[in-house]
N, C-alpha and C. Protein backbone atom coordinates (compact mmCIF):
# COMPACT_ATOMS: atom_id res chain seq x y z
N MET A 1 0.63 28.72 22.49
CA MET A 1 -0.41 28.02 21.77
C MET A 1 0.13 27.46 20.46
N SER A 2 0.94 28.23 19.72
CA SER A 2 1.45 27.76 18.44
C SER A 2 2.36 26.55 18.61
N ARG A 3 3.06 26.47 19.74
CA ARG A 3 3.91 25.30 19.99
C ARG A 3 3.05 24.06 20.18
N SER A 4 1.91 24.19 20.84
CA SER A 4 1.00 23.06 21.02
C SER A 4 0.46 22.57 19.68
N ILE A 5 0.12 23.51 18.81
CA ILE A 5 -0.38 23.14 17.49
C ILE A 5 0.72 22.43 16.70
N ALA A 6 1.95 22.94 16.79
CA ALA A 6 3.06 22.31 16.08
C ALA A 6 3.30 20.90 16.59
N LEU A 7 3.23 20.69 17.90
CA LEU A 7 3.41 19.35 18.47
C LEU A 7 2.28 18.42 18.03
N LEU A 8 1.07 18.92 18.02
CA LEU A 8 -0.07 18.12 17.58
C LEU A 8 0.09 17.71 16.11
N MET A 9 0.50 18.64 15.26
CA MET A 9 0.70 18.33 13.84
C MET A 9 1.82 17.31 13.65
N THR A 10 2.91 17.45 14.41
CA THR A 10 4.01 16.50 14.33
C THR A 10 3.53 15.11 14.73
N PHE A 11 2.78 15.01 15.82
CA PHE A 11 2.23 13.73 16.26
C PHE A 11 1.35 13.13 15.18
N ALA A 12 0.48 13.94 14.60
CA ALA A 12 -0.42 13.44 13.56
C ALA A 12 0.35 12.92 12.36
N LEU A 13 1.38 13.64 11.95
CA LEU A 13 2.16 13.21 10.79
C LEU A 13 2.96 11.94 11.07
N LEU A 14 3.46 11.79 12.29
CA LEU A 14 4.26 10.62 12.61
C LEU A 14 3.43 9.38 12.89
N PHE A 15 2.30 9.55 13.56
CA PHE A 15 1.56 8.39 14.04
C PHE A 15 0.26 8.13 13.31
N CYS A 16 -0.17 9.01 12.48
CA CYS A 16 -1.42 8.81 11.74
C CYS A 16 -1.15 8.92 10.25
N SER A 17 -0.10 8.27 9.80
CA SER A 17 0.32 8.45 8.42
C SER A 17 -0.69 7.94 7.42
N THR A 18 -1.58 7.01 7.80
CA THR A 18 -2.56 6.55 6.82
C THR A 18 -3.54 7.66 6.48
N VAL A 19 -3.74 8.60 7.40
CA VAL A 19 -4.63 9.72 7.12
C VAL A 19 -3.99 10.67 6.11
N PHE A 20 -2.66 10.88 6.24
CA PHE A 20 -1.97 11.84 5.41
C PHE A 20 -1.16 11.18 4.29
N GLY A 21 -1.35 9.88 4.08
CA GLY A 21 -0.55 9.13 3.12
C GLY A 21 -0.82 9.51 1.68
N GLN A 22 0.04 9.03 0.85
CA GLN A 22 -0.01 9.31 -0.57
C GLN A 22 -0.73 8.20 -1.31
N ASP A 23 -1.41 8.55 -2.37
CA ASP A 23 -2.05 7.58 -3.25
C ASP A 23 -0.99 7.08 -4.22
N ALA A 24 -0.78 5.78 -4.27
CA ALA A 24 0.25 5.20 -5.15
C ALA A 24 0.00 5.51 -6.62
N MET A 25 -1.23 5.78 -7.00
CA MET A 25 -1.54 6.05 -8.40
C MET A 25 -0.91 7.36 -8.89
N GLN A 26 -0.54 8.23 -7.98
CA GLN A 26 0.06 9.51 -8.38
C GLN A 26 1.43 9.33 -9.03
N TYR A 27 2.04 8.18 -8.85
CA TYR A 27 3.40 7.97 -9.37
C TYR A 27 3.42 7.49 -10.83
N GLY A 28 2.28 7.11 -11.38
CA GLY A 28 2.23 6.66 -12.77
C GLY A 28 3.04 5.41 -13.05
N LEU A 29 3.01 4.47 -12.14
CA LEU A 29 3.80 3.25 -12.28
C LEU A 29 3.16 2.26 -13.25
N LYS A 30 3.97 1.64 -14.09
CA LYS A 30 3.46 0.66 -15.06
C LYS A 30 2.90 -0.59 -14.38
N HIS A 31 3.42 -0.92 -13.21
CA HIS A 31 3.02 -2.16 -12.54
C HIS A 31 1.78 -2.00 -11.65
N LEU A 32 1.15 -0.84 -11.66
CA LEU A 32 -0.04 -0.61 -10.85
C LEU A 32 -1.11 0.07 -11.69
N THR A 33 -2.25 -0.60 -11.85
CA THR A 33 -3.33 -0.05 -12.68
C THR A 33 -4.68 -0.17 -11.97
N ILE A 34 -5.56 0.77 -12.25
CA ILE A 34 -6.92 0.73 -11.71
C ILE A 34 -7.77 -0.11 -12.67
N LEU A 35 -8.42 -1.14 -12.12
CA LEU A 35 -9.31 -1.98 -12.92
C LEU A 35 -10.76 -1.51 -12.83
N ALA A 36 -11.15 -0.98 -11.67
CA ALA A 36 -12.52 -0.49 -11.45
C ALA A 36 -12.50 0.42 -10.23
N GLU A 37 -13.45 1.36 -10.20
CA GLU A 37 -13.52 2.28 -9.05
C GLU A 37 -14.90 2.91 -8.99
N ASP A 38 -15.40 3.04 -7.76
CA ASP A 38 -16.60 3.83 -7.50
C ASP A 38 -16.40 4.53 -6.17
N ALA A 39 -17.46 5.06 -5.60
CA ALA A 39 -17.35 5.83 -4.35
C ALA A 39 -16.95 4.98 -3.15
N ASN A 40 -17.15 3.66 -3.23
CA ASN A 40 -16.90 2.79 -2.09
C ASN A 40 -15.69 1.89 -2.21
N VAL A 41 -15.31 1.55 -3.44
CA VAL A 41 -14.29 0.53 -3.66
C VAL A 41 -13.39 0.94 -4.82
N ARG A 42 -12.11 0.56 -4.72
CA ARG A 42 -11.20 0.69 -5.85
C ARG A 42 -10.49 -0.65 -6.02
N VAL A 43 -10.46 -1.16 -7.24
CA VAL A 43 -9.81 -2.43 -7.55
C VAL A 43 -8.55 -2.12 -8.35
N LEU A 44 -7.41 -2.59 -7.85
CA LEU A 44 -6.11 -2.35 -8.48
C LEU A 44 -5.45 -3.66 -8.88
N ARG A 45 -4.71 -3.62 -9.97
CA ARG A 45 -3.85 -4.74 -10.35
C ARG A 45 -2.42 -4.30 -10.05
N TYR A 46 -1.75 -5.07 -9.22
CA TYR A 46 -0.36 -4.82 -8.85
C TYR A 46 0.45 -5.97 -9.45
N ALA A 47 1.24 -5.69 -10.48
CA ALA A 47 1.98 -6.73 -11.20
C ALA A 47 3.42 -6.28 -11.49
N PRO A 48 4.22 -6.13 -10.44
CA PRO A 48 5.60 -5.70 -10.64
C PRO A 48 6.48 -6.86 -11.10
N LYS A 49 7.53 -6.51 -11.81
CA LYS A 49 8.61 -7.44 -12.13
C LYS A 49 9.65 -7.32 -11.02
N LYS A 50 10.47 -8.33 -10.89
CA LYS A 50 11.51 -8.32 -9.87
C LYS A 50 12.30 -7.01 -9.95
N GLY A 51 12.44 -6.33 -8.80
CA GLY A 51 13.18 -5.07 -8.73
C GLY A 51 12.32 -3.83 -8.84
N ASP A 52 11.07 -3.96 -9.32
CA ASP A 52 10.19 -2.80 -9.38
C ASP A 52 9.88 -2.31 -7.97
N LYS A 53 9.82 -0.99 -7.82
CA LYS A 53 9.56 -0.38 -6.51
C LYS A 53 8.35 0.54 -6.60
N THR A 54 7.65 0.67 -5.48
CA THR A 54 6.56 1.63 -5.34
C THR A 54 6.94 2.55 -4.18
N PRO A 55 7.02 3.87 -4.41
CA PRO A 55 7.34 4.80 -3.33
C PRO A 55 6.29 4.75 -2.21
N THR A 56 6.57 5.42 -1.13
CA THR A 56 5.68 5.44 0.02
C THR A 56 4.27 5.87 -0.39
N HIS A 57 3.31 5.07 0.06
CA HIS A 57 1.90 5.31 -0.25
C HIS A 57 1.04 4.67 0.84
N SER A 58 -0.25 4.97 0.81
CA SER A 58 -1.17 4.46 1.82
C SER A 58 -2.31 3.70 1.18
N HIS A 59 -2.87 2.78 1.96
CA HIS A 59 -4.09 2.06 1.58
C HIS A 59 -5.09 2.18 2.72
N PRO A 60 -6.37 2.31 2.41
CA PRO A 60 -7.39 2.11 3.46
C PRO A 60 -7.46 0.59 3.70
N SER A 61 -8.41 0.10 4.48
CA SER A 61 -8.58 -1.34 4.63
C SER A 61 -8.70 -1.94 3.23
N TYR A 62 -8.09 -3.12 3.03
CA TYR A 62 -8.10 -3.69 1.69
C TYR A 62 -7.98 -5.21 1.72
N VAL A 63 -8.33 -5.80 0.59
CA VAL A 63 -8.24 -7.24 0.38
C VAL A 63 -7.20 -7.46 -0.71
N VAL A 64 -6.35 -8.46 -0.53
CA VAL A 64 -5.36 -8.83 -1.54
C VAL A 64 -5.68 -10.24 -2.01
N TYR A 65 -5.78 -10.42 -3.33
CA TYR A 65 -5.88 -11.76 -3.91
C TYR A 65 -4.63 -11.97 -4.75
N VAL A 66 -3.90 -13.05 -4.47
CA VAL A 66 -2.63 -13.31 -5.13
C VAL A 66 -2.86 -14.16 -6.38
N VAL A 67 -2.63 -13.56 -7.53
CA VAL A 67 -2.76 -14.25 -8.82
C VAL A 67 -1.49 -15.05 -9.11
N LYS A 68 -0.32 -14.44 -8.87
CA LYS A 68 0.97 -15.10 -9.05
C LYS A 68 1.84 -14.78 -7.84
N GLY A 69 2.19 -15.81 -7.10
CA GLY A 69 2.93 -15.62 -5.86
C GLY A 69 4.38 -15.26 -6.05
N GLY A 70 4.98 -14.81 -4.96
CA GLY A 70 6.39 -14.43 -4.92
C GLY A 70 6.64 -13.60 -3.68
N SER A 71 7.83 -13.05 -3.57
CA SER A 71 8.23 -12.27 -2.40
C SER A 71 8.19 -10.78 -2.69
N VAL A 72 7.73 -10.02 -1.68
CA VAL A 72 7.71 -8.56 -1.74
C VAL A 72 8.27 -8.03 -0.43
N LYS A 73 9.16 -7.05 -0.52
CA LYS A 73 9.73 -6.40 0.66
C LYS A 73 8.98 -5.11 0.91
N TYR A 74 8.46 -4.95 2.12
CA TYR A 74 7.73 -3.74 2.51
C TYR A 74 8.57 -2.95 3.50
N THR A 75 8.59 -1.62 3.33
CA THR A 75 9.26 -0.74 4.26
C THR A 75 8.21 0.17 4.87
N LEU A 76 8.16 0.18 6.20
CA LEU A 76 7.19 0.97 6.95
C LEU A 76 7.74 2.37 7.23
N PRO A 77 6.86 3.31 7.61
CA PRO A 77 7.31 4.69 7.85
C PRO A 77 8.44 4.82 8.88
N ASP A 78 8.52 3.88 9.83
CA ASP A 78 9.58 3.95 10.84
C ASP A 78 10.91 3.38 10.34
N GLY A 79 10.94 2.91 9.07
CA GLY A 79 12.16 2.38 8.48
C GLY A 79 12.30 0.87 8.61
N SER A 80 11.45 0.24 9.40
CA SER A 80 11.52 -1.21 9.53
C SER A 80 11.04 -1.87 8.23
N THR A 81 11.53 -3.06 7.99
CA THR A 81 11.16 -3.79 6.77
C THR A 81 10.63 -5.16 7.12
N GLN A 82 9.84 -5.70 6.21
CA GLN A 82 9.39 -7.08 6.34
C GLN A 82 9.23 -7.66 4.94
N ILE A 83 9.52 -8.93 4.82
CA ILE A 83 9.37 -9.61 3.55
C ILE A 83 8.15 -10.52 3.65
N SER A 84 7.23 -10.35 2.69
CA SER A 84 6.04 -11.18 2.64
C SER A 84 6.19 -12.19 1.52
N GLU A 85 5.90 -13.43 1.85
CA GLU A 85 5.89 -14.52 0.87
C GLU A 85 4.44 -14.70 0.44
N LEU A 86 4.10 -14.21 -0.73
CA LEU A 86 2.73 -14.30 -1.24
C LEU A 86 2.57 -15.62 -1.99
N LYS A 87 1.51 -16.36 -1.66
CA LYS A 87 1.26 -17.65 -2.29
C LYS A 87 0.12 -17.54 -3.29
N THR A 88 0.30 -18.10 -4.47
CA THR A 88 -0.73 -18.09 -5.51
C THR A 88 -2.05 -18.62 -4.94
N GLY A 89 -3.14 -17.89 -5.19
CA GLY A 89 -4.46 -18.29 -4.73
C GLY A 89 -4.81 -17.80 -3.34
N GLN A 90 -3.88 -17.22 -2.65
CA GLN A 90 -4.08 -16.72 -1.29
C GLN A 90 -4.91 -15.45 -1.30
N ALA A 91 -5.80 -15.30 -0.32
CA ALA A 91 -6.56 -14.07 -0.11
C ALA A 91 -6.22 -13.55 1.28
N LEU A 92 -5.92 -12.26 1.37
CA LEU A 92 -5.49 -11.65 2.63
C LEU A 92 -6.36 -10.44 2.94
N LEU A 93 -6.75 -10.28 4.19
CA LEU A 93 -7.47 -9.10 4.66
C LEU A 93 -6.46 -8.21 5.36
N ARG A 94 -6.36 -6.96 4.92
CA ARG A 94 -5.35 -6.05 5.45
C ARG A 94 -5.98 -4.79 6.04
N PRO A 95 -5.45 -4.33 7.19
CA PRO A 95 -5.91 -3.07 7.77
C PRO A 95 -5.28 -1.90 7.02
N PRO A 96 -5.73 -0.69 7.29
CA PRO A 96 -5.10 0.48 6.66
C PRO A 96 -3.59 0.47 6.93
N THR A 97 -2.82 0.91 5.97
CA THR A 97 -1.37 0.88 6.12
C THR A 97 -0.71 1.94 5.25
N THR A 98 0.50 2.28 5.62
CA THR A 98 1.37 3.13 4.82
C THR A 98 2.69 2.39 4.69
N HIS A 99 3.20 2.27 3.46
CA HIS A 99 4.45 1.57 3.22
C HIS A 99 4.99 1.91 1.83
N SER A 100 6.22 1.51 1.60
CA SER A 100 6.77 1.45 0.24
C SER A 100 7.05 -0.02 0.00
N ASP A 101 7.25 -0.41 -1.26
CA ASP A 101 7.51 -1.83 -1.50
C ASP A 101 8.48 -2.03 -2.65
N GLU A 102 9.07 -3.21 -2.65
CA GLU A 102 9.97 -3.64 -3.72
C GLU A 102 9.68 -5.10 -4.01
N ALA A 103 9.43 -5.43 -5.27
CA ALA A 103 9.19 -6.81 -5.66
C ALA A 103 10.53 -7.56 -5.68
N LEU A 104 10.61 -8.65 -4.95
CA LEU A 104 11.81 -9.49 -4.96
C LEU A 104 11.68 -10.60 -6.00
N ASP A 105 10.46 -10.78 -6.50
CA ASP A 105 10.13 -11.73 -7.57
C ASP A 105 9.09 -11.06 -8.46
N ASP A 106 8.84 -11.63 -9.63
CA ASP A 106 7.69 -11.20 -10.43
C ASP A 106 6.44 -11.68 -9.70
N VAL A 107 5.51 -10.79 -9.39
CA VAL A 107 4.27 -11.17 -8.71
C VAL A 107 3.09 -10.49 -9.39
N GLU A 108 1.91 -10.97 -9.08
CA GLU A 108 0.68 -10.31 -9.55
C GLU A 108 -0.39 -10.49 -8.49
N THR A 109 -0.99 -9.37 -8.09
CA THR A 109 -2.08 -9.42 -7.13
C THR A 109 -3.21 -8.48 -7.59
N ILE A 110 -4.36 -8.73 -7.04
CA ILE A 110 -5.50 -7.82 -7.18
C ILE A 110 -5.76 -7.25 -5.79
N LEU A 111 -5.77 -5.93 -5.70
CA LEU A 111 -6.06 -5.24 -4.43
C LEU A 111 -7.45 -4.64 -4.51
N ILE A 112 -8.24 -4.85 -3.48
CA ILE A 112 -9.58 -4.25 -3.40
C ILE A 112 -9.57 -3.33 -2.18
N GLU A 113 -9.50 -2.03 -2.44
CA GLU A 113 -9.47 -1.05 -1.36
C GLU A 113 -10.87 -0.65 -0.98
N LEU A 114 -11.17 -0.65 0.32
CA LEU A 114 -12.48 -0.29 0.85
C LEU A 114 -12.42 1.16 1.32
N LYS A 115 -12.98 2.06 0.55
CA LYS A 115 -12.81 3.50 0.79
C LYS A 115 -13.55 4.03 2.00
N ASN A 116 -14.75 3.57 2.25
CA ASN A 116 -15.60 4.17 3.30
C ASN A 116 -15.61 3.31 4.56
N ARG A 117 -14.46 3.14 5.17
CA ARG A 117 -14.38 2.33 6.36
C ARG A 117 -14.03 3.17 7.54
């Protein structure tokens, strides 16, 4: 029985990382600030300079509004990477995710996290 529980926990940790993910605010990063928050929504300002990194963290469903465009490299839990070209004025709807990131340019976005989804 304990082996089954261990396998179940391993599966949960590997494939359901958004449930067990970390809150990026725990890192005390200068480029990430809370603008507003209540029980349903959290609004964040993400304004890294080129080279700034955010360790692995999770988001519930969220909206991104790009104030200043540029490139950001995202690394997923499986180690794969993708580079996003953010365009000024762009609005993006994003599903729950877990990733780390590195700014390849100076960028600024507003993130609106939807907590009760």
